[in-house]
Structures are given as structure tokens and as C-alpha cells.
């Protein structure tokens, strides 16, 4: 298998810490990056979650709505209904 170089710009401090991490687990930076690439290609997704602040805003808005509903409505919900509603919102 032919290999090529991949140049990536990284913050100096982050690079140093990344290399130290690699040393602690017995791998150099190149090996760790190659493992990352292989995992992305194998699973066809990033091996971690990416979120935006929008998620927090949506949850906060839904909590405000729930609080308003609780104070203005005498209807109560079961634990299962609340969990289902939360799962529907969060996904």
C-alpha cells in the first residue's frame, strides 16, 4: 500500500499534548491519526458527537415551556410520558 503525507495545521500546545498522549499509550501521532482515519472510513461517521449551542438552546426553551405548562395546568404526566417526550425532543 502506497502512503502519502498529510499536513494538518494544529495549535502548538495541542500538538504537544497530543504527542504526549500518544507516548503514554505507546503510539506516535501518525499512528493515532491513522487509527482515527481508519475508524471514520470503517464506520462512515466521526467517532464522537458534534453539537452546537443550538442543542442547549432548544432544551432550555423546552424546559421553560414545561415549567409554564406545569404552573398553568393541573394535568400531570407519568414518568414514562415525560421520558418519551424528552426522548422525542432530544432524539
C-alpha atoms as a PDB file:
ATOM      1  CA  UNK A   1       0.000   0.000   0.000  1.00  0.00           C
ATOM      2  CA  UNK A   2       1.392   3.358  -1.046  1.00  0.00           C
ATOM      3  CA  UNK A   3       1.345   6.061   1.605  1.00  0.00           C
ATOM      4  CA  UNK A   4       1.272   9.843   1.340  1.00  0.00           C
ATOM      5  CA  UNK A   5       1.937  12.656   3.772  1.00  0.00           C
ATOM      6  CA  UNK A   6      -0.995  14.570   5.235  1.00  0.00           C
ATOM      7  CA  UNK A   7      -0.228  18.068   6.532  1.00  0.00           C
ATOM      8  CA  UNK A   8      -2.550  19.472   9.168  1.00  0.00           C
ATOM      9  CA  UNK A   9      -2.334  22.800  10.999  1.00  0.00           C
ATOM     10  CA  UNK A  10      -2.656  22.332  14.750  1.00  0.00           C
ATOM     11  CA  UNK A  11      -2.206  24.641  17.702  1.00  0.00           C
ATOM     12  CA  UNK A  12       1.314  24.254  19.140  1.00  0.00           C
ATOM     13  CA  UNK A  13       0.069  23.410  22.633  1.00  0.00           C
ATOM     14  CA  UNK A  14      -2.483  20.889  21.300  1.00  0.00           C
ATOM     15  CA  UNK A  15       0.201  19.183  19.175  1.00  0.00           C
ATOM     16  CA  UNK A  16       2.491  18.827  22.166  1.00  0.00           C
ATOM     17  CA  UNK A  17      -0.284  17.390  24.360  1.00  0.00           C
ATOM     18  CA  UNK A  18      -1.407  15.066  21.542  1.00  0.00           C
ATOM     19  CA  UNK A  19       2.126  13.727  21.143  1.00  0.00           C
ATOM     20  CA  UNK A  20       2.415  13.246  24.910  1.00  0.00           C
ATOM     21  CA  UNK A  21      -0.876  11.357  24.913  1.00  0.00           C
ATOM     22  CA  UNK A  22       0.394   9.149  22.096  1.00  0.00           C
ATOM     23  CA  UNK A  23       3.589   8.459  24.032  1.00  0.00           C
ATOM     24  CA  UNK A  24       1.594   7.459  27.120  1.00  0.00           C
ATOM     25  CA  UNK A  25      -0.342   4.871  25.111  1.00  0.00           C
ATOM     26  CA  UNK A  26       2.746   3.724  23.210  1.00  0.00           C
ATOM     27  CA  UNK A  27       1.939   5.234  19.815  1.00  0.00           C
ATOM     28  CA  UNK A  28       3.276   8.124  17.809  1.00  0.00           C
ATOM     29  CA  UNK A  29       1.000  10.856  16.429  1.00  0.00           C
ATOM     30  CA  UNK A  30       0.999   9.336  12.949  1.00  0.00           C
ATOM     31  CA  UNK A  31      -0.299   6.010  14.243  1.00  0.00           C
ATOM     32  CA  UNK A  32      -3.061   7.672  16.273  1.00  0.00           C
ATOM     33  CA  UNK A  33      -4.157   9.790  13.287  1.00  0.00           C
ATOM     34  CA  UNK A  34      -4.141   6.718  11.035  1.00  0.00           C
ATOM     35  CA  UNK A  35      -6.311   4.863  13.562  1.00  0.00           C
ATOM     36  CA  UNK A  36      -8.740   7.790  13.542  1.00  0.00           C
ATOM     37  CA  UNK A  37      -8.905   7.789   9.734  1.00  0.00           C
ATOM     38  CA  UNK A  38      -9.448   4.017   9.583  1.00  0.00           C
ATOM     39  CA  UNK A  39     -12.256   4.248  12.154  1.00  0.00           C
ATOM     40  CA  UNK A  40     -14.002   7.041  10.213  1.00  0.00           C
ATOM     41  CA  UNK A  41     -13.763   5.066   6.988  1.00  0.00           C
ATOM     42  CA  UNK A  42     -14.885   1.816   8.614  1.00  0.00           C
ATOM     43  CA  UNK A  43     -17.954   3.289  10.334  1.00  0.00           C
ATOM     44  CA  UNK A  44     -18.604   6.095   7.833  1.00  0.00           C
ATOM     45  CA  UNK A  45     -19.038   8.564  10.686  1.00  0.00           C
ATOM     46  CA  UNK A  46     -16.954  10.519  13.147  1.00  0.00           C
ATOM     47  CA  UNK A  47     -16.172   8.510  16.277  1.00  0.00           C
ATOM     48  CA  UNK A  48     -17.514  11.291  18.513  1.00  0.00           C
ATOM     49  CA  UNK A  49     -20.552  13.534  18.742  1.00  0.00           C
ATOM     50  CA  UNK A  50     -20.561  17.040  17.296  1.00  0.00           C
ATOM     51  CA  UNK A  51     -23.053  19.504  18.729  1.00  0.00           C
ATOM     52  CA  UNK A  52     -23.791  23.170  18.539  1.00  0.00           C
ATOM     53  CA  UNK A  53     -25.063  25.557  21.186  1.00  0.00           C
ATOM     54  CA  UNK A  54     -28.431  25.300  19.445  1.00  0.00           C
ATOM     55  CA  UNK A  55     -28.985  21.980  21.223  1.00  0.00           C
ATOM     56  CA  UNK A  56     -28.701  23.683  24.620  1.00  0.00           C
ATOM     57  CA  UNK A  57     -30.990  26.485  23.490  1.00  0.00           C
ATOM     58  CA  UNK A  58     -33.660  24.003  22.369  1.00  0.00           C
ATOM     59  CA  UNK A  59     -33.502  22.091  25.649  1.00  0.00           C
ATOM     60  CA  UNK A  60     -33.685  25.312  27.670  1.00  0.00           C
ATOM     61  CA  UNK A  61     -36.673  26.507  25.625  1.00  0.00           C
ATOM     62  CA  UNK A  62     -38.467  23.178  26.131  1.00  0.00           C
ATOM     63  CA  UNK A  63     -37.772  23.285  29.872  1.00  0.00           C
ATOM     64  CA  UNK A  64     -39.252  26.782  30.053  1.00  0.00           C
ATOM     65  CA  UNK A  65     -42.330  25.561  28.170  1.00  0.00           C
ATOM     66  CA  UNK A  66     -42.672  22.622  30.552  1.00  0.00           C
ATOM     67  CA  UNK A  67     -42.361  24.875  33.593  1.00  0.00           C
ATOM     68  CA  UNK A  68     -45.048  27.215  32.236  1.00  0.00           C
ATOM     69  CA  UNK A  69     -47.319  24.269  31.495  1.00  0.00           C
ATOM     70  CA  UNK A  70     -46.773  22.831  34.974  1.00  0.00           C
ATOM     71  CA  UNK A  71     -47.738  26.093  36.677  1.00  0.00           C
ATOM     72  CA  UNK A  72     -50.766  26.783  34.455  1.00  0.00           C
ATOM     73  CA  UNK A  73     -52.200  23.289  34.094  1.00  0.00           C
ATOM     74  CA  UNK A  74     -53.491  20.816  36.629  1.00  0.00           C
ATOM     75  CA  UNK A  75     -52.805  17.854  34.331  1.00  0.00           C
ATOM     76  CA  UNK A  76     -49.951  15.652  35.497  1.00  0.00           C
ATOM     77  CA  UNK A  77     -47.840  13.279  33.432  1.00  0.00           C
ATOM     78  CA  UNK A  78     -46.445   9.871  34.254  1.00  0.00           C
ATOM     79  CA  UNK A  79     -42.708   9.269  34.373  1.00  0.00           C
ATOM     80  CA  UNK A  80     -42.984   7.295  31.131  1.00  0.00           C
ATOM     81  CA  UNK A  81     -44.790  10.161  29.352  1.00  0.00           C
ATOM     82  CA  UNK A  82     -42.155  12.644  30.485  1.00  0.00           C
ATOM     83  CA  UNK A  83     -39.271  10.385  29.370  1.00  0.00           C
ATOM     84  CA  UNK A  84     -40.920   9.742  25.991  1.00  0.00           C
ATOM     85  CA  UNK A  85     -41.439  13.478  25.480  1.00  0.00           C
ATOM     86  CA  UNK A  86     -37.811  14.197  26.418  1.00  0.00           C
ATOM     87  CA  UNK A  87     -36.555  11.493  24.037  1.00  0.00           C
ATOM     88  CA  UNK A  88     -38.733  12.907  21.249  1.00  0.00           C
ATOM     89  CA  UNK A  89     -37.218  16.361  21.805  1.00  0.00           C
ATOM     90  CA  UNK A  90     -33.603  15.292  22.276  1.00  0.00           C
ATOM     91  CA  UNK A  91     -33.616  12.489  19.758  1.00  0.00           C
END
